[in-house]
C-alpha atoms as a PDB file:
ATOM      1  CA  UNK A   1       0.291  -0.029  -0.182  1.00  0.00           C
ATOM      2  CA  UNK A   2       2.884   2.291   0.982  1.00  0.00           C
ATOM      3  CA  UNK A   3       4.788   2.126  -2.575  1.00  0.00           C
ATOM      4  CA  UNK A   4       1.855   2.669  -4.430  1.00  0.00           C
ATOM      5  CA  UNK A   5       1.074   6.548  -2.487  1.00  0.00           C
ATOM      6  CA  UNK A   6       4.165   7.442  -1.746  1.00  0.00           C
ATOM      7  CA  UNK A   7       7.702   6.481  -3.798  1.00  0.00           C
ATOM      8  CA  UNK A   8      10.614   7.268  -2.662  1.00  0.00           C
ATOM      9  CA  UNK A   9      12.077   7.464  -6.522  1.00  0.00           C
ATOM     10  CA  UNK A  10       8.863   9.289  -7.669  1.00  0.00           C
ATOM     11  CA  UNK A  11       8.159   6.732 -10.699  1.00  0.00           C
ATOM     12  CA  UNK A  12       4.779   5.646  -9.589  1.00  0.00           C
ATOM     13  CA  UNK A  13       1.755   5.856 -12.004  1.00  0.00           C
ATOM     14  CA  UNK A  14      -0.120   7.035  -8.848  1.00  0.00           C
ATOM     15  CA  UNK A  15       1.749   9.683  -7.287  1.00  0.00           C
ATOM     16  CA  UNK A  16       5.011  11.636  -7.541  1.00  0.00           C
ATOM     17  CA  UNK A  17       5.520  12.675  -4.033  1.00  0.00           C
ATOM     18  CA  UNK A  18       9.003  12.446  -3.208  1.00  0.00           C
ATOM     19  CA  UNK A  19       9.723  11.278   0.587  1.00  0.00           C
ATOM     20  CA  UNK A  20      13.054  12.991   1.856  1.00  0.00           C
ATOM     21  CA  UNK A  21      13.449  13.467   5.356  1.00  0.00           C
ATOM     22  CA  UNK A  22      12.579  17.014   4.792  1.00  0.00           C
ATOM     23  CA  UNK A  23       9.028  16.152   3.558  1.00  0.00           C
ATOM     24  CA  UNK A  24       8.654  13.686   7.109  1.00  0.00           C
ATOM     25  CA  UNK A  25      10.056  16.470   8.779  1.00  0.00           C
ATOM     26  CA  UNK A  26       7.190  18.668   7.737  1.00  0.00           C
ATOM     27  CA  UNK A  27       4.741  16.944   8.353  1.00  0.00           C
ATOM     28  CA  UNK A  28       5.548  15.574  12.433  1.00  0.00           C
ATOM     29  CA  UNK A  29       6.383  19.562  12.601  1.00  0.00           C
ATOM     30  CA  UNK A  30       2.891  20.267  11.488  1.00  0.00           C
ATOM     31  CA  UNK A  31       2.086  17.387  13.820  1.00  0.00           C
ATOM     32  CA  UNK A  32       3.857  18.884  16.677  1.00  0.00           C
ATOM     33  CA  UNK A  33       2.158  22.158  16.343  1.00  0.00           C
ATOM     34  CA  UNK A  34      -1.284  19.866  15.951  1.00  0.00           C
ATOM     35  CA  UNK A  35      -0.645  18.495  19.297  1.00  0.00           C
ATOM     36  CA  UNK A  36       0.717  21.531  20.488  1.00  0.00           C
ATOM     37  CA  UNK A  37       3.733  20.185  21.494  1.00  0.00           C
ATOM     38  CA  UNK A  38       6.440  22.846  21.639  1.00  0.00           C
ATOM     39  CA  UNK A  39       9.856  20.650  21.181  1.00  0.00           C
ATOM     40  CA  UNK A  40       8.625  19.247  18.584  1.00  0.00           C
ATOM     41  CA  UNK A  41      10.933  15.696  17.539  1.00  0.00           C
ATOM     42  CA  UNK A  42      14.245  14.539  17.084  1.00  0.00           C
ATOM     43  CA  UNK A  43      15.738  13.536  14.037  1.00  0.00           C
ATOM     44  CA  UNK A  44      15.956  10.379  15.064  1.00  0.00           C
ATOM     45  CA  UNK A  45      11.980  10.254  15.392  1.00  0.00           C
ATOM     46  CA  UNK A  46      12.257  11.552  11.948  1.00  0.00           C
ATOM     47  CA  UNK A  47      14.348   8.550  10.524  1.00  0.00           C
ATOM     48  CA  UNK A  48      12.368   5.902  11.845  1.00  0.00           C
ATOM     49  CA  UNK A  49       9.155   7.226  11.157  1.00  0.00           C
ATOM     50  CA  UNK A  50      10.485   7.506   7.178  1.00  0.00           C
ATOM     51  CA  UNK A  51      12.093   4.046   7.947  1.00  0.00           C
ATOM     52  CA  UNK A  52       8.807   2.744   9.115  1.00  0.00           C
ATOM     53  CA  UNK A  53       7.200   3.751   5.741  1.00  0.00           C
ATOM     54  CA  UNK A  54       9.639   2.839   3.610  1.00  0.00           C
ATOM     55  CA  UNK A  55       9.757  -0.855   4.780  1.00  0.00           C
ATOM     56  CA  UNK A  56       6.182  -0.699   5.452  1.00  0.00           C
ATOM     57  CA  UNK A  57       6.688  -1.625   9.334  1.00  0.00           C
ATOM     58  CA  UNK A  58       4.833  -0.664  12.169  1.00  0.00           C
ATOM     59  CA  UNK A  59       5.301   2.567  13.550  1.00  0.00           C
ATOM     60  CA  UNK A  60       3.165   4.815  15.931  1.00  0.00           C
ATOM     61  CA  UNK A  61       3.259   7.864  14.376  1.00  0.00           C
ATOM     62  CA  UNK A  62       3.406   6.338  10.684  1.00  0.00           C
ATOM     63  CA  UNK A  63      -0.458   6.645  10.066  1.00  0.00           C
ATOM     64  CA  UNK A  64      -0.422  10.915  11.160  1.00  0.00           C
ATOM     65  CA  UNK A  65       2.865  11.632   8.953  1.00  0.00           C
ATOM     66  CA  UNK A  66       1.213   9.538   6.013  1.00  0.00           C
ATOM     67  CA  UNK A  67      -2.121  11.339   6.264  1.00  0.00           C
ATOM     68  CA  UNK A  68      -0.507  14.539   6.503  1.00  0.00           C
ATOM     69  CA  UNK A  69       1.727  14.129   3.709  1.00  0.00           C
ATOM     70  CA  UNK A  70      -1.219  12.633   1.368  1.00  0.00           C
ATOM     71  CA  UNK A  71      -3.484  15.658   1.830  1.00  0.00           C
ATOM     72  CA  UNK A  72      -2.662  19.104   1.176  1.00  0.00           C
ATOM     73  CA  UNK A  73      -5.621  20.828   3.459  1.00  0.00           C
ATOM     74  CA  UNK A  74      -3.349  19.200   7.012  1.00  0.00           C
ATOM     75  CA  UNK A  75      -0.323  20.788   5.888  1.00  0.00           C
ATOM     76  CA  UNK A  76       0.020  24.590   6.636  1.00  0.00           C
ATOM     77  CA  UNK A  77       3.711  24.764   4.988  1.00  0.00           C
END
C-alpha cells in the first residue's frame, strides 16, 4: 500500500511524491503543532518514521505522517 502512495524515487503512476527526510520532518512539525508540542520531534524520530514508511513496518506516528503528506489541507507549509 505504501509504495503506491509514496515512492521514494517518484516514478509511480499513482503519485510522484518524494519521501525525503525534509518531507517527513515538515509533516512531523505540523503534527507537533496540532498536538501542541512546542519542542517538536527529534531527528531520530524523523528517521524512524521515514524508515517505517519505506519498509512498510509499524510505527506509532506512521499513519499521522502519511495522512499529513497525502492531504494538502492538513499541511500549512
